[in-house]
């Protein structure tokens, strides 16, 4: 599926629709350059899942947790070297819990610990400033 967002409102609406498909155990891999909008997308999905928590980038904490209709785990693997380092931090245990929804930014860093059946959201910038979301599973 491909979606082109021309505004924040478009992104909010797309995130809300995407959130409807998420069930406990879902893992969403977020791909895109720095500043592509990965955390912004998570922010609107988390809001659609019923959370009033402030969503911020977990770049320095590696993991942020949010209270919503289901638990939400938001990982940023940018600072990790590989999957072994994620295992050392215990992040693989959370990915396997199946009690909530996991979002993983920079999944290519830890692909060795990721299950096969994940959503993949690739976010790129268009020529006129729009954001292009390509979703696969």
Protein backbone atom coordinates (compact mmCIF):
# COMPACT_ATOMS: atom_id res chain seq x y z
CA UNK A 1 0.00 0.00 0.00
CA UNK A 2 1.23 3.48 -0.83
CA UNK A 3 -0.01 6.72 0.70
CA UNK A 4 1.10 10.27 -0.12
CA UNK A 5 0.70 12.79 2.68
CA UNK A 6 0.60 16.44 1.69
CA UNK A 7 0.03 17.73 5.24
CA UNK A 8 0.18 16.86 8.92
CA UNK A 9 -3.59 16.32 8.77
CA UNK A 10 -3.11 13.74 5.99
CA UNK A 11 -0.47 11.98 8.10
CA UNK A 12 -2.79 11.95 11.13
CA UNK A 13 -5.61 10.43 9.09
CA UNK A 14 -3.33 7.79 7.57
CA UNK A 15 -1.90 6.92 11.00
CA UNK A 16 -5.42 6.57 12.39
CA UNK A 17 -6.39 4.15 9.60
CA UNK A 18 -3.16 2.20 10.04
CA UNK A 19 -3.76 1.91 13.81
CA UNK A 20 -7.06 0.10 13.20
CA UNK A 21 -5.18 -2.96 11.90
CA UNK A 22 -2.77 -3.21 14.84
CA UNK A 23 -3.29 -5.97 17.39
CA UNK A 24 -1.14 -7.04 20.36
CA UNK A 25 1.98 -8.71 19.03
CA UNK A 26 2.24 -6.48 15.96
CA UNK A 27 5.71 -5.22 15.12
CA UNK A 28 6.08 -2.20 12.85
CA UNK A 29 9.48 -1.58 11.29
CA UNK A 30 10.00 2.08 10.41
CA UNK A 31 12.47 2.92 7.66
CA UNK A 32 13.49 6.34 6.43
CA UNK A 33 16.24 8.92 6.61
CA UNK A 34 16.81 11.14 9.63
CA UNK A 35 13.92 13.60 9.77
CA UNK A 36 11.69 11.52 7.48
CA UNK A 37 8.85 11.52 9.99
CA UNK A 38 9.15 8.15 11.71
CA UNK A 39 8.52 9.48 15.22
CA UNK A 40 5.77 11.80 13.98
CA UNK A 41 4.00 8.80 12.44
CA UNK A 42 4.34 6.87 15.72
CA UNK A 43 2.97 9.88 17.60
CA UNK A 44 -0.26 9.85 15.59
CA UNK A 45 -0.66 6.06 15.71
CA UNK A 46 -0.19 6.10 19.49
CA UNK A 47 -2.79 8.86 19.79
CA UNK A 48 -5.19 6.82 17.64
CA UNK A 49 -4.64 3.88 19.99
CA UNK A 50 -6.05 6.02 22.80
CA UNK A 51 -2.92 7.34 24.49
CA UNK A 52 -2.54 10.84 25.86
CA UNK A 53 1.18 10.29 26.53
CA UNK A 54 3.75 12.62 25.04
CA UNK A 55 5.49 10.73 22.23
CA UNK A 56 9.15 11.56 21.78
CA UNK A 57 12.06 10.00 19.94
CA UNK A 58 13.75 7.23 21.93
CA UNK A 59 17.11 7.92 20.28
CA UNK A 60 18.98 8.24 23.57
CA UNK A 61 16.82 5.97 25.74
CA UNK A 62 16.48 3.19 23.10
CA UNK A 63 12.90 2.50 24.25
CA UNK A 64 9.86 4.58 25.19
CA UNK A 65 6.69 2.95 26.49
CA UNK A 66 3.22 4.45 26.12
CA UNK A 67 -0.07 3.61 27.79
CA UNK A 68 -2.87 3.09 25.28
CA UNK A 69 -5.60 0.52 24.62
CA UNK A 70 -2.66 -1.86 24.27
CA UNK A 71 0.89 -1.33 25.49
CA UNK A 72 3.03 0.49 22.94
CA UNK A 73 6.80 0.04 22.77
CA UNK A 74 8.76 2.48 20.64
CA UNK A 75 12.36 1.46 19.91
CA UNK A 76 15.10 3.46 18.22
CA UNK A 77 17.99 1.20 17.25
CA UNK A 78 20.07 3.94 15.60
CA UNK A 79 22.78 3.89 18.27
CA UNK A 80 23.12 0.10 18.40
CA UNK A 81 25.75 -1.84 16.47
CA UNK A 82 23.79 -5.04 15.88
CA UNK A 83 21.19 -7.50 17.13
CA UNK A 84 23.56 -8.93 19.75
CA UNK A 85 23.77 -5.53 21.42
CA UNK A 86 19.95 -5.32 21.44
CA UNK A 87 19.82 -8.75 23.10
CA UNK A 88 22.34 -7.57 25.72
CA UNK A 89 19.97 -4.66 26.49
CA UNK A 90 16.99 -7.04 26.79
CA UNK A 91 15.16 -5.45 23.88
CA UNK A 92 14.51 -8.81 22.21
CA UNK A 93 12.43 -9.89 25.22
CA UNK A 94 10.05 -6.98 24.75
CA UNK A 95 9.73 -7.75 21.04
CA UNK A 96 8.60 -11.28 21.95
CA UNK A 97 6.15 -10.32 24.73
CA UNK A 98 3.11 -10.09 22.42
CA UNK A 99 1.26 -7.91 24.92
CA UNK A 100 1.42 -4.75 22.87
CA UNK A 101 2.47 -3.10 19.65
CA UNK A 102 6.16 -2.49 18.92
CA UNK A 103 7.54 0.22 16.66
CA UNK A 104 11.18 -0.18 15.64
CA UNK A 105 13.07 2.71 14.08
CA UNK A 106 16.29 1.76 12.24
CA UNK A 107 15.40 -1.96 12.11
CA UNK A 108 18.24 -2.75 9.71
CA UNK A 109 20.60 -2.45 12.69
CA UNK A 110 18.94 -5.40 14.47
CA UNK A 111 17.45 -7.46 11.66
CA UNK A 112 18.93 -10.66 13.11
CA UNK A 113 16.54 -10.53 16.10
CA UNK A 114 13.39 -9.45 14.26
CA UNK A 115 10.63 -11.92 13.40
CA UNK A 116 9.64 -12.38 9.76
CA UNK A 117 5.99 -11.32 9.97
CA UNK A 118 6.31 -7.56 10.56
CA UNK A 119 4.73 -4.50 9.04
CA UNK A 120 7.28 -2.40 7.18
CA UNK A 121 6.64 1.31 6.80
CA UNK A 122 9.09 3.08 4.51
CA UNK A 123 8.87 6.88 4.66
CA UNK A 124 10.45 9.07 2.00
CA UNK A 125 10.16 12.70 0.97
CA UNK A 126 8.49 13.67 -2.29
CA UNK A 127 9.59 16.42 -4.65
CA UNK A 128 7.07 18.92 -3.28
CA UNK A 129 7.67 18.26 0.43
CA UNK A 130 5.07 15.55 0.77
CA UNK A 131 5.75 12.35 2.69
CA UNK A 132 5.38 9.04 0.90
CA UNK A 133 4.43 6.06 3.08
CA UNK A 134 4.88 2.61 1.59
CA UNK A 135 3.50 -0.16 3.78
CA UNK A 136 4.04 -3.88 3.37
CA UNK A 137 3.80 -6.94 5.55
